[in-house]
Amino acid sequence: MLWTIAVVLFVLWILGFAVFHVSSVLIHLLLVIAVIVILYRLITGRRPV
């Protein structure tokens, strides 16, 4: 589930630059949060439910 959210955010981020030429602060913030959560889960070794 977390990987799906991260991939969707990444695709939206790329589309924002490539297609719509919009750089929204919100999508960048969500992307950074998703990466931080993924790294935290990898470091702590937690498994998805």
PDB file of N, CA and C in Angstrom:
ATOM      1  N   MET A   1       0.822  -1.188   0.000  1.00  0.00           N
ATOM      2  CA  MET A   1       0.000   0.000   0.000  1.00  0.00           C
ATOM      3  C   MET A   1       0.868   1.254   0.000  1.00  0.00           C
ATOM      4  N   LEU A   2       1.889   1.256   0.844  1.00  0.00           N
ATOM      5  CA  LEU A   2       2.774   2.412   0.926  1.00  0.00           C
ATOM      6  C   LEU A   2       3.544   2.613  -0.379  1.00  0.00           C
ATOM      7  N   TRP A   3       3.974   1.505  -0.979  1.00  0.00           N
ATOM      8  CA  TRP A   3       4.693   1.606  -2.250  1.00  0.00           C
ATOM      9  C   TRP A   3       3.774   2.153  -3.338  1.00  0.00           C
ATOM     10  N   THR A   4       2.519   1.773  -3.321  1.00  0.00           N
ATOM     11  CA  THR A   4       1.563   2.266  -4.310  1.00  0.00           C
ATOM     12  C   THR A   4       1.387   3.770  -4.186  1.00  0.00           C
ATOM     13  N   ILE A   5       1.255   4.250  -2.965  1.00  0.00           N
ATOM     14  CA  ILE A   5       1.112   5.689  -2.749  1.00  0.00           C
ATOM     15  C   ILE A   5       2.358   6.426  -3.214  1.00  0.00           C
ATOM     16  N   ALA A   6       3.527   5.883  -2.913  1.00  0.00           N
ATOM     17  CA  ALA A   6       4.778   6.516  -3.324  1.00  0.00           C
ATOM     18  C   ALA A   6       4.887   6.578  -4.842  1.00  0.00           C
ATOM     19  N   VAL A   7       4.519   5.507  -5.530  1.00  0.00           N
ATOM     20  CA  VAL A   7       4.582   5.483  -6.995  1.00  0.00           C
ATOM     21  C   VAL A   7       3.596   6.478  -7.594  1.00  0.00           C
ATOM     22  N   VAL A   8       2.387   6.538  -7.062  1.00  0.00           N
ATOM     23  CA  VAL A   8       1.387   7.482  -7.566  1.00  0.00           C
ATOM     24  C   VAL A   8       1.869   8.922  -7.372  1.00  0.00           C
ATOM     25  N   LEU A   9       2.412   9.227  -6.203  1.00  0.00           N
ATOM     26  CA  LEU A   9       2.933  10.566  -5.956  1.00  0.00           C
ATOM     27  C   LEU A   9       4.082  10.908  -6.894  1.00  0.00           C
ATOM     28  N   PHE A  10       4.956   9.930  -7.149  1.00  0.00           N
ATOM     29  CA  PHE A  10       6.078  10.159  -8.054  1.00  0.00           C
ATOM     30  C   PHE A  10       5.587  10.426  -9.475  1.00  0.00           C
ATOM     31  N   VAL A  11       4.622   9.657  -9.942  1.00  0.00           N
ATOM     32  CA  VAL A  11       4.075   9.855 -11.286  1.00  0.00           C
ATOM     33  C   VAL A  11       3.406  11.223 -11.396  1.00  0.00           C
ATOM     34  N   LEU A  12       2.638  11.615 -10.387  1.00  0.00           N
ATOM     35  CA  LEU A  12       2.001  12.932 -10.399  1.00  0.00           C
ATOM     36  C   LEU A  12       3.033  14.048 -10.383  1.00  0.00           C
ATOM     37  N   TRP A  13       4.129  13.838  -9.672  1.00  0.00           N
ATOM     38  CA  TRP A  13       5.191  14.825  -9.598  1.00  0.00           C
ATOM     39  C   TRP A  13       5.842  15.004 -10.972  1.00  0.00           C
ATOM     40  N   ILE A  14       6.122  13.879 -11.634  1.00  0.00           N
ATOM     41  CA  ILE A  14       6.714  13.942 -12.973  1.00  0.00           C
ATOM     42  C   ILE A  14       5.742  14.587 -13.964  1.00  0.00           C
ATOM     43  N   LEU A  15       4.470  14.218 -13.898  1.00  0.00           N
ATOM     44  CA  LEU A  15       3.474  14.813 -14.792  1.00  0.00           C
ATOM     45  C   LEU A  15       3.347  16.314 -14.565  1.00  0.00           C
ATOM     46  N   GLY A  16       3.475  16.732 -13.332  1.00  0.00           N
ATOM     47  CA  GLY A  16       3.400  18.155 -13.031  1.00  0.00           C
ATOM     48  C   GLY A  16       4.481  18.951 -13.739  1.00  0.00           C
ATOM     49  N   PHE A  17       5.664  18.373 -13.864  1.00  0.00           N
ATOM     50  CA  PHE A  17       6.741  19.066 -14.560  1.00  0.00           C
ATOM     51  C   PHE A  17       6.662  18.872 -16.066  1.00  0.00           C
ATOM     52  N   ALA A  18       6.411  17.649 -16.515  1.00  0.00           N
ATOM     53  CA  ALA A  18       6.483  17.331 -17.935  1.00  0.00           C
ATOM     54  C   ALA A  18       5.256  17.788 -18.716  1.00  0.00           C
ATOM     55  N   VAL A  19       4.081  17.590 -18.174  1.00  0.00           N
ATOM     56  CA  VAL A  19       2.856  17.833 -18.928  1.00  0.00           C
ATOM     57  C   VAL A  19       2.243  19.193 -18.616  1.00  0.00           C
ATOM     58  N   PHE A  20       2.062  19.470 -17.353  1.00  0.00           N
ATOM     59  CA  PHE A  20       1.303  20.657 -16.965  1.00  0.00           C
ATOM     60  C   PHE A  20       2.174  21.859 -16.625  1.00  0.00           C
ATOM     61  N   HIS A  21       3.495  21.661 -16.520  1.00  0.00           N
ATOM     62  CA  HIS A  21       4.427  22.730 -16.173  1.00  0.00           C
ATOM     63  C   HIS A  21       4.005  23.453 -14.902  1.00  0.00           C
ATOM     64  N   VAL A  22       3.576  22.677 -13.928  1.00  0.00           N
ATOM     65  CA  VAL A  22       3.144  23.235 -12.649  1.00  0.00           C
ATOM     66  C   VAL A  22       4.038  22.643 -11.565  1.00  0.00           C
ATOM     67  N   SER A  23       4.578  23.494 -10.732  1.00  0.00           N
ATOM     68  CA  SER A  23       5.378  22.982  -9.611  1.00  0.00           C
ATOM     69  C   SER A  23       4.658  23.351  -8.320  1.00  0.00           C
ATOM     70  N   SER A  24       3.865  22.444  -7.866  1.00  0.00           N
ATOM     71  CA  SER A  24       3.065  22.676  -6.670  1.00  0.00           C
ATOM     72  C   SER A  24       3.869  22.313  -5.432  1.00  0.00           C
ATOM     73  N   VAL A  25       3.787  23.139  -4.431  1.00  0.00           N
ATOM     74  CA  VAL A  25       4.484  22.873  -3.172  1.00  0.00           C
ATOM     75  C   VAL A  25       3.887  21.648  -2.496  1.00  0.00           C
ATOM     76  N   LEU A  26       2.575  21.464  -2.611  1.00  0.00           N
ATOM     77  CA  LEU A  26       1.914  20.353  -1.944  1.00  0.00           C
ATOM     78  C   LEU A  26       2.400  19.004  -2.462  1.00  0.00           C
ATOM     79  N   ILE A  27       2.513  18.837  -3.772  1.00  0.00           N
ATOM     80  CA  ILE A  27       2.932  17.541  -4.316  1.00  0.00           C
ATOM     81  C   ILE A  27       4.377  17.249  -3.947  1.00  0.00           C
ATOM     82  N   HIS A  28       5.222  18.277  -3.885  1.00  0.00           N
ATOM     83  CA  HIS A  28       6.598  18.065  -3.470  1.00  0.00           C
ATOM     84  C   HIS A  28       6.654  17.657  -1.997  1.00  0.00           C
ATOM     85  N   LEU A  29       5.844  18.292  -1.185  1.00  0.00           N
ATOM     86  CA  LEU A  29       5.801  17.967   0.235  1.00  0.00           C
ATOM     87  C   LEU A  29       5.321  16.530   0.448  1.00  0.00           C
ATOM     88  N   LEU A  30       4.285  16.125  -0.262  1.00  0.00           N
ATOM     89  CA  LEU A  30       3.779  14.759  -0.137  1.00  0.00           C
ATOM     90  C   LEU A  30       4.800  13.740  -0.620  1.00  0.00           C
ATOM     91  N   LEU A  31       5.528  14.065  -1.681  1.00  0.00           N
ATOM     92  CA  LEU A  31       6.553  13.156  -2.187  1.00  0.00           C
ATOM     93  C   LEU A  31       7.672  12.986  -1.160  1.00  0.00           C
ATOM     94  N   VAL A  32       8.101  14.071  -0.559  1.00  0.00           N
ATOM     95  CA  VAL A  32       9.155  13.993   0.452  1.00  0.00           C
ATOM     96  C   VAL A  32       8.685  13.184   1.657  1.00  0.00           C
ATOM     97  N   ILE A  33       7.447  13.397   2.082  1.00  0.00           N
ATOM     98  CA  ILE A  33       6.902  12.632   3.208  1.00  0.00           C
ATOM     99  C   ILE A  33       6.843  11.145   2.874  1.00  0.00           C
ATOM    100  N   ALA A  34       6.423  10.806   1.668  1.00  0.00           N
ATOM    101  CA  ALA A  34       6.349   9.399   1.267  1.00  0.00           C
ATOM    102  C   ALA A  34       7.730   8.758   1.266  1.00  0.00           C
ATOM    103  N   VAL A  35       8.733   9.462   0.786  1.00  0.00           N
ATOM    104  CA  VAL A  35      10.098   8.918   0.763  1.00  0.00           C
ATOM    105  C   VAL A  35      10.618   8.733   2.183  1.00  0.00           C
ATOM    106  N   ILE A  36      10.355   9.692   3.059  1.00  0.00           N
ATOM    107  CA  ILE A  36      10.800   9.582   4.452  1.00  0.00           C
ATOM    108  C   ILE A  36      10.144   8.384   5.136  1.00  0.00           C
ATOM    109  N   VAL A  37       8.853   8.184   4.901  1.00  0.00           N
ATOM    110  CA  VAL A  37       8.149   7.050   5.518  1.00  0.00           C
ATOM    111  C   VAL A  37       8.700   5.723   4.995  1.00  0.00           C
ATOM    112  N   ILE A  38       8.957   5.641   3.706  1.00  0.00           N
ATOM    113  CA  ILE A  38       9.515   4.411   3.131  1.00  0.00           C
ATOM    114  C   ILE A  38      10.891   4.127   3.720  1.00  0.00           C
ATOM    115  N   LEU A  39      11.734   5.141   3.797  1.00  0.00           N
ATOM    116  CA  LEU A  39      13.065   4.945   4.369  1.00  0.00           C
ATOM    117  C   LEU A  39      12.983   4.536   5.839  1.00  0.00           C
ATOM    118  N   TYR A  40      12.078   5.137   6.593  1.00  0.00           N
ATOM    119  CA  TYR A  40      11.912   4.784   8.001  1.00  0.00           C
ATOM    120  C   TYR A  40      11.493   3.321   8.149  1.00  0.00           C
ATOM    121  N   ARG A  41      10.558   2.897   7.310  1.00  0.00           N
ATOM    122  CA  ARG A  41      10.089   1.506   7.393  1.00  0.00           C
ATOM    123  C   ARG A  41      11.177   0.532   6.975  1.00  0.00           C
ATOM    124  N   LEU A  42      12.017   0.906   6.004  1.00  0.00           N
ATOM    125  CA  LEU A  42      13.123   0.041   5.604  1.00  0.00           C
ATOM    126  C   LEU A  42      14.188  -0.053   6.689  1.00  0.00           C
ATOM    127  N   ILE A  43      14.471   1.069   7.335  1.00  0.00           N
ATOM    128  CA  ILE A  43      15.498   1.085   8.370  1.00  0.00           C
ATOM    129  C   ILE A  43      15.042   0.331   9.613  1.00  0.00           C
ATOM    130  N   THR A  44      13.794   0.532  10.019  1.00  0.00           N
ATOM    131  CA  THR A  44      13.303  -0.133  11.237  1.00  0.00           C
ATOM    132  C   THR A  44      12.927  -1.590  10.976  1.00  0.00           C
ATOM    133  N   GLY A  45      12.771  -1.979   9.735  1.00  0.00           N
ATOM    134  CA  GLY A  45      12.470  -3.373   9.412  1.00  0.00           C
ATOM    135  C   GLY A  45      11.027  -3.763   9.600  1.00  0.00           C
ATOM    136  N   ARG A  46      10.141  -2.784   9.667  1.00  0.00           N
ATOM    137  CA  ARG A  46       8.726  -3.099   9.831  1.00  0.00           C
ATOM    138  C   ARG A  46       8.149  -3.656   8.542  1.00  0.00           C
ATOM    139  N   ARG A  47       7.243  -4.570   8.703  1.00  0.00           N
ATOM    140  CA  ARG A  47       6.567  -5.184   7.563  1.00  0.00           C
ATOM    141  C   ARG A  47       5.186  -4.579   7.405  1.00  0.00           C
ATOM    142  N   PRO A  48       4.714  -4.394   6.147  1.00  0.00           N
ATOM    143  CA  PRO A  48       3.349  -3.875   5.960  1.00  0.00           C
ATOM    144  C   PRO A  48       2.310  -4.850   6.499  1.00  0.00           C
ATOM    145  N   VAL A  49       1.229  -4.316   6.949  1.00  0.00           N
ATOM    146  CA  VAL A  49       0.165  -5.138   7.534  1.00  0.00           C
ATOM    147  C   VAL A  49      -0.615  -5.831   6.454  1.00  0.00           C
TER     148      VAL A  49
END
